[in-house]
Amino acid sequence: MIYLVDGITETGGFAPYASRFTNGGYIHGVPVNAPRKTLIEYSPTLGTTPRSHMCVRNATSHAKFIYDWAPVEGTLVFVFD
């Protein structure tokens, strides 16, 4: 998923293996800022520092697992008991 720099229409980079889960919120891997093009597996700020707008950042391999597992254009409901 390509993302924009806050407040302007310039491309900021991409968030790998993005899976939409609600009104503009995505589960995705570690964002890669332009001009870099290679994936980043892990960031020390995961789970500690909010960095996105409604998104859930994960290790890139974890986001890839969800991306490959979830059906395209399907709806999933998770129930935590």
PDB file of N, CA and C in Angstrom:
ATOM      1  N   MET A   1       0.853  -1.161   0.000  1.00  0.00           N
ATOM      2  CA  MET A   1       0.000   0.000   0.000  1.00  0.00           C
ATOM      3  C   MET A   1       0.904   1.231   0.000  1.00  0.00           C
ATOM      4  N   ILE A   2       0.712   2.094  -0.995  1.00  0.00           N
ATOM      5  CA  ILE A   2       1.449   3.357  -1.064  1.00  0.00           C
ATOM      6  C   ILE A   2       0.827   4.329  -0.059  1.00  0.00           C
ATOM      7  N   TYR A   3       1.650   5.076   0.650  1.00  0.00           N
ATOM      8  CA  TYR A   3       1.113   6.092   1.552  1.00  0.00           C
ATOM      9  C   TYR A   3       1.696   7.451   1.210  1.00  0.00           C
ATOM     10  N   LEU A   4       1.005   8.492   1.635  1.00  0.00           N
ATOM     11  CA  LEU A   4       1.402   9.863   1.345  1.00  0.00           C
ATOM     12  C   LEU A   4       2.031  10.504   2.566  1.00  0.00           C
ATOM     13  N   VAL A   5       2.855  11.514   2.342  1.00  0.00           N
ATOM     14  CA  VAL A   5       3.399  12.322   3.422  1.00  0.00           C
ATOM     15  C   VAL A   5       2.228  13.085   4.025  1.00  0.00           C
ATOM     16  N   ASP A   6       2.168  13.169   5.351  1.00  0.00           N
ATOM     17  CA  ASP A   6       1.050  13.855   6.025  1.00  0.00           C
ATOM     18  C   ASP A   6       0.808  15.250   5.471  1.00  0.00           C
ATOM     19  N   GLY A   7      -0.446  15.517   5.111  1.00  0.00           N
ATOM     20  CA  GLY A   7      -0.861  16.848   4.718  1.00  0.00           C
ATOM     21  C   GLY A   7      -0.592  17.244   3.278  1.00  0.00           C
ATOM     22  N   ILE A   8       0.097  16.398   2.511  1.00  0.00           N
ATOM     23  CA  ILE A   8       0.361  16.730   1.110  1.00  0.00           C
ATOM     24  C   ILE A   8       0.127  15.491   0.238  1.00  0.00           C
ATOM     25  N   THR A   9       0.256  15.645  -1.046  1.00  0.00           N
ATOM     26  CA  THR A   9      -0.005  14.530  -1.968  1.00  0.00           C
ATOM     27  C   THR A   9       1.271  13.849  -2.445  1.00  0.00           C
ATOM     28  N   GLU A  10       2.394  14.130  -1.809  1.00  0.00           N
ATOM     29  CA  GLU A  10       3.661  13.493  -2.168  1.00  0.00           C
ATOM     30  C   GLU A  10       3.732  12.089  -1.575  1.00  0.00           C
ATOM     31  N   THR A  11       4.196  11.125  -2.374  1.00  0.00           N
ATOM     32  CA  THR A  11       4.348   9.751  -1.903  1.00  0.00           C
ATOM     33  C   THR A  11       5.429   9.686  -0.829  1.00  0.00           C
ATOM     34  N   GLY A  12       5.086   9.050   0.300  1.00  0.00           N
ATOM     35  CA  GLY A  12       6.039   8.931   1.396  1.00  0.00           C
ATOM     36  C   GLY A  12       6.770   7.598   1.406  1.00  0.00           C
ATOM     37  N   GLY A  13       6.152   6.584   0.795  1.00  0.00           N
ATOM     38  CA  GLY A  13       6.735   5.249   0.760  1.00  0.00           C
ATOM     39  C   GLY A  13       5.636   4.221   0.627  1.00  0.00           C
ATOM     40  N   PHE A  14       5.870   3.024   1.178  1.00  0.00           N
ATOM     41  CA  PHE A  14       4.849   1.987   1.115  1.00  0.00           C
ATOM     42  C   PHE A  14       4.834   1.169   2.394  1.00  0.00           C
ATOM     43  N   ALA A  15       3.653   0.633   2.685  1.00  0.00           N
ATOM     44  CA  ALA A  15       3.465  -0.266   3.816  1.00  0.00           C
ATOM     45  C   ALA A  15       3.212  -1.653   3.226  1.00  0.00           C
ATOM     46  N   PRO A  16       4.124  -2.593   3.408  1.00  0.00           N
ATOM     47  CA  PRO A  16       3.998  -3.895   2.756  1.00  0.00           C
ATOM     48  C   PRO A  16       2.900  -4.769   3.360  1.00  0.00           C
ATOM     49  N   TYR A  17       2.303  -5.578   2.492  1.00  0.00           N
ATOM     50  CA  TYR A  17       1.306  -6.587   2.888  1.00  0.00           C
ATOM     51  C   TYR A  17       0.152  -5.980   3.694  1.00  0.00           C
ATOM     52  N   ALA A  18      -0.416  -4.908   3.179  1.00  0.00           N
ATOM     53  CA  ALA A  18      -1.509  -4.224   3.869  1.00  0.00           C
ATOM     54  C   ALA A  18      -2.828  -4.958   3.663  1.00  0.00           C
ATOM     55  N   SER A  19      -3.527  -5.223   4.748  1.00  0.00           N
ATOM     56  CA  SER A  19      -4.852  -5.840   4.729  1.00  0.00           C
ATOM     57  C   SER A  19      -5.804  -4.905   5.470  1.00  0.00           C
ATOM     58  N   ARG A  20      -6.815  -4.420   4.774  1.00  0.00           N
ATOM     59  CA  ARG A  20      -7.760  -3.479   5.383  1.00  0.00           C
ATOM     60  C   ARG A  20      -8.660  -4.206   6.371  1.00  0.00           C
ATOM     61  N   PHE A  21      -8.864  -3.606   7.557  1.00  0.00           N
ATOM     62  CA  PHE A  21      -9.740  -4.254   8.523  1.00  0.00           C
ATOM     63  C   PHE A  21     -10.921  -3.387   8.941  1.00  0.00           C
ATOM     64  N   THR A  22     -10.893  -2.108   8.669  1.00  0.00           N
ATOM     65  CA  THR A  22     -12.023  -1.228   8.977  1.00  0.00           C
ATOM     66  C   THR A  22     -11.833   0.080   8.244  1.00  0.00           C
ATOM     67  N   ASN A  23     -12.776   0.956   8.294  1.00  0.00           N
ATOM     68  CA  ASN A  23     -12.788   2.285   7.675  1.00  0.00           C
ATOM     69  C   ASN A  23     -11.419   2.945   7.487  1.00  0.00           C
ATOM     70  N   GLY A  24     -10.560   2.408   6.689  1.00  0.00           N
ATOM     71  CA  GLY A  24      -9.261   3.014   6.442  1.00  0.00           C
ATOM     72  C   GLY A  24      -8.152   2.523   7.344  1.00  0.00           C
ATOM     73  N   GLY A  25      -8.446   1.597   8.244  1.00  0.00           N
ATOM     74  CA  GLY A  25      -7.416   1.008   9.094  1.00  0.00           C
ATOM     75  C   GLY A  25      -6.872  -0.252   8.431  1.00  0.00           C
ATOM     76  N   TYR A  26      -5.570  -0.424   8.490  1.00  0.00           N
ATOM     77  CA  TYR A  26      -4.919  -1.579   7.871  1.00  0.00           C
ATOM     78  C   TYR A  26      -4.006  -2.272   8.869  1.00  0.00           C
ATOM     79  N   ILE A  27      -3.823  -3.552   8.689  1.00  0.00           N
ATOM     80  CA  ILE A  27      -2.740  -4.308   9.309  1.00  0.00           C
ATOM     81  C   ILE A  27      -1.665  -4.348   8.236  1.00  0.00           C
ATOM     82  N   HIS A  28      -0.449  -3.935   8.566  1.00  0.00           N
ATOM     83  CA  HIS A  28       0.611  -3.936   7.555  1.00  0.00           C
ATOM     84  C   HIS A  28       1.972  -4.143   8.196  1.00  0.00           C
ATOM     85  N   GLY A  29       2.953  -4.420   7.352  1.00  0.00           N
ATOM     86  CA  GLY A  29       4.319  -4.587   7.813  1.00  0.00           C
ATOM     87  C   GLY A  29       4.965  -3.241   8.108  1.00  0.00           C
ATOM     88  N   VAL A  30       6.229  -3.279   8.468  1.00  0.00           N
ATOM     89  CA  VAL A  30       6.977  -2.067   8.802  1.00  0.00           C
ATOM     90  C   VAL A  30       7.045  -1.158   7.573  1.00  0.00           C
ATOM     91  N   PRO A  31       6.561   0.084   7.680  1.00  0.00           N
ATOM     92  CA  PRO A  31       6.582   0.994   6.540  1.00  0.00           C
ATOM     93  C   PRO A  31       7.997   1.260   6.035  1.00  0.00           C
ATOM     94  N   VAL A  32       8.090   1.410   4.733  1.00  0.00           N
ATOM     95  CA  VAL A  32       9.357   1.673   4.070  1.00  0.00           C
ATOM     96  C   VAL A  32       9.259   3.068   3.460  1.00  0.00           C
ATOM     97  N   ASN A  33      10.098   3.976   3.908  1.00  0.00           N
ATOM     98  CA  ASN A  33      10.079   5.343   3.403  1.00  0.00           C
ATOM     99  C   ASN A  33      10.800   5.430   2.067  1.00  0.00           C
ATOM    100  N   ALA A  34      10.224   6.226   1.148  1.00  0.00           N
ATOM    101  CA  ALA A  34      10.856   6.462  -0.145  1.00  0.00           C
ATOM    102  C   ALA A  34      12.183   7.176   0.100  1.00  0.00           C
ATOM    103  N   PRO A  35      13.212   6.925  -0.652  1.00  0.00           N
ATOM    104  CA  PRO A  35      13.282   6.145  -1.886  1.00  0.00           C
ATOM    105  C   PRO A  35      13.655   4.677  -1.677  1.00  0.00           C
ATOM    106  N   ARG A  36      13.833   4.240  -0.431  1.00  0.00           N
ATOM    107  CA  ARG A  36      14.174   2.835  -0.174  1.00  0.00           C
ATOM    108  C   ARG A  36      13.113   1.916  -0.768  1.00  0.00           C
ATOM    109  N   LYS A  37      13.521   0.761  -1.284  1.00  0.00           N
ATOM    110  CA  LYS A  37      12.581  -0.161  -1.914  1.00  0.00           C
ATOM    111  C   LYS A  37      12.602  -1.559  -1.297  1.00  0.00           C
ATOM    112  N   THR A  38      13.531  -1.821  -0.387  1.00  0.00           N
ATOM    113  CA  THR A  38      13.624  -3.152   0.209  1.00  0.00           C
ATOM    114  C   THR A  38      12.794  -3.212   1.488  1.00  0.00           C
ATOM    115  N   LEU A  39      12.265  -4.394   1.778  1.00  0.00           N
ATOM    116  CA  LEU A  39      11.430  -4.594   2.955  1.00  0.00           C
ATOM    117  C   LEU A  39      12.249  -4.512   4.236  1.00  0.00           C
ATOM    118  N   ILE A  40      11.591  -4.074   5.300  1.00  0.00           N
ATOM    119  CA  ILE A  40      12.186  -4.026   6.630  1.00  0.00           C
ATOM    120  C   ILE A  40      11.383  -5.007   7.484  1.00  0.00           C
ATOM    121  N   GLU A  41      12.035  -5.944   8.127  1.00  0.00           N
ATOM    122  CA  GLU A  41      11.326  -6.966   8.901  1.00  0.00           C
ATOM    123  C   GLU A  41      10.817  -6.450  10.238  1.00  0.00           C
ATOM    124  N   TYR A  42      11.604  -5.651  10.931  1.00  0.00           N
ATOM    125  CA  TYR A  42      11.281  -5.312  12.314  1.00  0.00           C
ATOM    126  C   TYR A  42      11.671  -3.861  12.600  1.00  0.00           C
ATOM    127  N   SER A  43      10.951  -3.239  13.518  1.00  0.00           N
ATOM    128  CA  SER A  43      11.286  -1.900  13.995  1.00  0.00           C
ATOM    129  C   SER A  43      11.227  -1.920  15.520  1.00  0.00           C
ATOM    130  N   PRO A  44      12.181  -1.319  16.200  1.00  0.00           N
ATOM    131  CA  PRO A  44      12.155  -1.321  17.664  1.00  0.00           C
ATOM    132  C   PRO A  44      10.971  -0.559  18.244  1.00  0.00           C
ATOM    133  N   THR A  45      10.264   0.236  17.445  1.00  0.00           N
ATOM    134  CA  THR A  45       9.110   0.984  17.959  1.00  0.00           C
ATOM    135  C   THR A  45       7.801   0.198  17.846  1.00  0.00           C
ATOM    136  N   LEU A  46       7.824  -1.006  17.292  1.00  0.00           N
ATOM    137  CA  LEU A  46       6.585  -1.791  17.180  1.00  0.00           C
ATOM    138  C   LEU A  46       6.006  -2.035  18.564  1.00  0.00           C
ATOM    139  N   GLY A  47       4.728  -1.712  18.719  1.00  0.00           N
ATOM    140  CA  GLY A  47       4.045  -1.954  19.981  1.00  0.00           C
ATOM    141  C   GLY A  47       4.345  -0.953  21.075  1.00  0.00           C
ATOM    142  N   THR A  48       5.174   0.060  20.792  1.00  0.00           N
ATOM    143  CA  THR A  48       5.528   1.012  21.838  1.00  0.00           C
ATOM    144  C   THR A  48       5.203   2.453  21.472  1.00  0.00           C
ATOM    145  N   THR A  49       5.297   2.803  20.202  1.00  0.00           N
ATOM    146  CA  THR A  49       5.119   4.183  19.767  1.00  0.00           C
ATOM    147  C   THR A  49       4.081   4.261  18.665  1.00  0.00           C
ATOM    148  N   PRO A  50       2.982   5.001  18.867  1.00  0.00           N
ATOM    149  CA  PRO A  50       2.014   5.148  17.785  1.00  0.00           C
ATOM    150  C   PRO A  50       2.621   5.949  16.639  1.00  0.00           C
ATOM    151  N   ARG A  51       2.517   5.421  15.438  1.00  0.00           N
ATOM    152  CA  ARG A  51       3.131   6.081  14.291  1.00  0.00           C
ATOM    153  C   ARG A  51       2.187   6.223  13.109  1.00  0.00           C
ATOM    154  N   SER A  52       1.011   5.637  13.172  1.00  0.00           N
ATOM    155  CA  SER A  52       0.151   5.658  11.999  1.00  0.00           C
ATOM    156  C   SER A  52      -1.251   6.122  12.357  1.00  0.00           C
ATOM    157  N   HIS A  53      -2.083   6.183  11.373  1.00  0.00           N
ATOM    158  CA  HIS A  53      -3.447   6.678  11.525  1.00  0.00           C
ATOM    159  C   HIS A  53      -4.414   5.507  11.396  1.00  0.00           C
ATOM    160  N   MET A  54      -4.768   4.892  12.509  1.00  0.00           N
ATOM    161  CA  MET A  54      -5.701   3.757  12.568  1.00  0.00           C
ATOM    162  C   MET A  54      -5.072   2.434  12.142  1.00  0.00           C
ATOM    163  N   CYS A  55      -3.835   2.405  11.755  1.00  0.00           N
ATOM    164  CA  CYS A  55      -3.214   1.171  11.280  1.00  0.00           C
ATOM    165  C   CYS A  55      -2.568   0.403  12.437  1.00  0.00           C
ATOM    166  N   VAL A  56      -2.358  -0.874  12.199  1.00  0.00           N
ATOM    167  CA  VAL A  56      -1.676  -1.743  13.158  1.00  0.00           C
ATOM    168  C   VAL A  56      -0.414  -2.246  12.475  1.00  0.00           C
ATOM    169  N   ARG A  57       0.733  -1.731  12.914  1.00  0.00           N
ATOM    170  CA  ARG A  57       2.011  -2.160  12.343  1.00  0.00           C
ATOM    171  C   ARG A  57       2.442  -3.477  12.973  1.00  0.00           C
ATOM    172  N   ASN A  58       3.013  -4.327  12.149  1.00  0.00           N
ATOM    173  CA  ASN A  58       3.506  -5.628  12.598  1.00  0.00           C
ATOM    174  C   ASN A  58       4.871  -5.874  11.993  1.00  0.00           C
ATOM    175  N   ALA A  59       5.560  -6.888  12.489  1.00  0.00           N
ATOM    176  CA  ALA A  59       6.738  -7.357  11.772  1.00  0.00           C
ATOM    177  C   ALA A  59       6.261  -7.717  10.365  1.00  0.00           C
ATOM    178  N   THR A  60       7.054  -7.441   9.367  1.00  0.00           N
ATOM    179  CA  THR A  60       6.625  -7.640   7.984  1.00  0.00           C
ATOM    180  C   THR A  60       6.248  -9.089   7.704  1.00  0.00           C
ATOM    181  N   SER A  61       6.952 -10.054   8.279  1.00  0.00           N
ATOM    182  CA  SER A  61       6.608 -11.466   8.048  1.00  0.00           C
ATOM    183  C   SER A  61       5.242 -11.807   8.649  1.00  0.00           C
ATOM    184  N   HIS A  62       4.863 -11.162   9.748  1.00  0.00           N
ATOM    185  CA  HIS A  62       3.550 -11.405  10.348  1.00  0.00           C
ATOM    186  C   HIS A  62       2.451 -10.812   9.474  1.00  0.00           C
ATOM    187  N   ALA A  63       2.680  -9.602   8.952  1.00  0.00           N
ATOM    188  CA  ALA A  63       1.707  -8.979   8.051  1.00  0.00           C
ATOM    189  C   ALA A  63       1.548  -9.816   6.787  1.00  0.00           C
ATOM    190  N   LYS A  64       2.646 -10.389   6.295  1.00  0.00           N
ATOM    191  CA  LYS A  64       2.582 -11.250   5.103  1.00  0.00           C
ATOM    192  C   LYS A  64       1.735 -12.483   5.385  1.00  0.00           C
ATOM    193  N   PHE A  65       1.849 -13.058   6.579  1.00  0.00           N
ATOM    194  CA  PHE A  65       1.040 -14.226   6.938  1.00  0.00           C
ATOM    195  C   PHE A  65      -0.452 -13.896   6.841  1.00  0.00           C
ATOM    196  N   ILE A  66      -0.878 -12.770   7.426  1.00  0.00           N
ATOM    197  CA  ILE A  66      -2.286 -12.356   7.367  1.00  0.00           C
ATOM    198  C   ILE A  66      -2.696 -12.091   5.919  1.00  0.00           C
ATOM    199  N   TYR A  67      -1.853 -11.388   5.183  1.00  0.00           N
ATOM    200  CA  TYR A  67      -2.124 -11.043   3.781  1.00  0.00           C
ATOM    201  C   TYR A  67      -2.339 -12.299   2.938  1.00  0.00           C
ATOM    202  N   ASP A  68      -1.505 -13.302   3.137  1.00  0.00           N
ATOM    203  CA  ASP A  68      -1.618 -14.557   2.372  1.00  0.00           C
ATOM    204  C   ASP A  68      -2.791 -15.415   2.857  1.00  0.00           C
ATOM    205  N   TRP A  69      -3.120 -15.335   4.130  1.00  0.00           N
ATOM    206  CA  TRP A  69      -4.133 -16.199   4.735  1.00  0.00           C
ATOM    207  C   TRP A  69      -5.562 -15.718   4.498  1.00  0.00           C
ATOM    208  N   ALA A  70      -5.794 -14.420   4.616  1.00  0.00           N
ATOM    209  CA  ALA A  70      -7.155 -13.871   4.542  1.00  0.00           C
ATOM    210  C   ALA A  70      -7.674 -13.876   3.099  1.00  0.00           C
ATOM    211  N   PRO A  71      -8.959 -14.196   2.915  1.00  0.00           N
ATOM    212  CA  PRO A  71      -9.522 -14.199   1.563  1.00  0.00           C
ATOM    213  C   PRO A  71      -9.641 -12.779   1.003  1.00  0.00           C
ATOM    214  N   VAL A  72      -9.430 -12.651  -0.308  1.00  0.00           N
ATOM    215  CA  VAL A  72      -9.565 -11.354  -0.978  1.00  0.00           C
ATOM    216  C   VAL A  72     -11.042 -10.998  -1.072  1.00  0.00           C
ATOM    217  N   GLU A  73     -11.380  -9.771  -0.719  1.00  0.00           N
ATOM    218  CA  GLU A  73     -12.751  -9.260  -0.742  1.00  0.00           C
ATOM    219  C   GLU A  73     -13.712 -10.098   0.093  1.00  0.00           C
ATOM    220  N   GLY A  74     -13.193 -10.760   1.092  1.00  0.00           N
ATOM    221  CA  GLY A  74     -14.026 -11.531   2.008  1.00  0.00           C
ATOM    222  C   GLY A  74     -14.138 -10.802   3.331  1.00  0.00           C
ATOM    223  N   THR A  75     -15.069 -11.219   4.138  1.00  0.00           N
ATOM    224  CA  THR A  75     -15.252 -10.630   5.448  1.00  0.00           C
ATOM    225  C   THR A  75     -14.903 -11.660   6.510  1.00  0.00           C
ATOM    226  N   LEU A  76     -14.107 -11.259   7.460  1.00  0.00           N
ATOM    227  CA  LEU A  76     -13.735 -12.119   8.578  1.00  0.00           C
ATOM    228  C   LEU A  76     -14.261 -11.483   9.857  1.00  0.00           C
ATOM    229  N   VAL A  77     -14.740 -12.300  10.745  1.00  0.00           N
ATOM    230  CA  VAL A  77     -15.191 -11.828  12.058  1.00  0.00           C
ATOM    231  C   VAL A  77     -14.385 -12.575  13.113  1.00  0.00           C
ATOM    232  N   PHE A  78     -13.704 -11.836  13.967  1.00  0.00           N
ATOM    233  CA  PHE A  78     -12.934 -12.442  15.043  1.00  0.00           C
ATOM    234  C   PHE A  78     -13.695 -12.272  16.333  1.00  0.00           C
ATOM    235  N   VAL A  79     -13.849 -13.346  17.071  1.00  0.00           N
ATOM    236  CA  VAL A  79     -14.516 -13.317  18.365  1.00  0.00           C
ATOM    237  C   VAL A  79     -13.499 -13.734  19.405  1.00  0.00           C
ATOM    238  N   PHE A  80     -13.245 -12.851  20.360  1.00  0.00           N
ATOM    239  CA  PHE A  80     -12.324 -13.149  21.438  1.00  0.00           C
ATOM    240  C   PHE A  80     -13.164 -13.496  22.662  1.00  0.00           C
ATOM    241  N   ASP A  81     -12.944 -14.665  23.194  1.00  0.00           N
ATOM    242  CA  ASP A  81     -13.749 -15.130  24.318  1.00  0.00           C
ATOM    243  C   ASP A  81     -12.910 -15.192  25.570  1.00  0.00           C
TER     244      ASP A  81
END
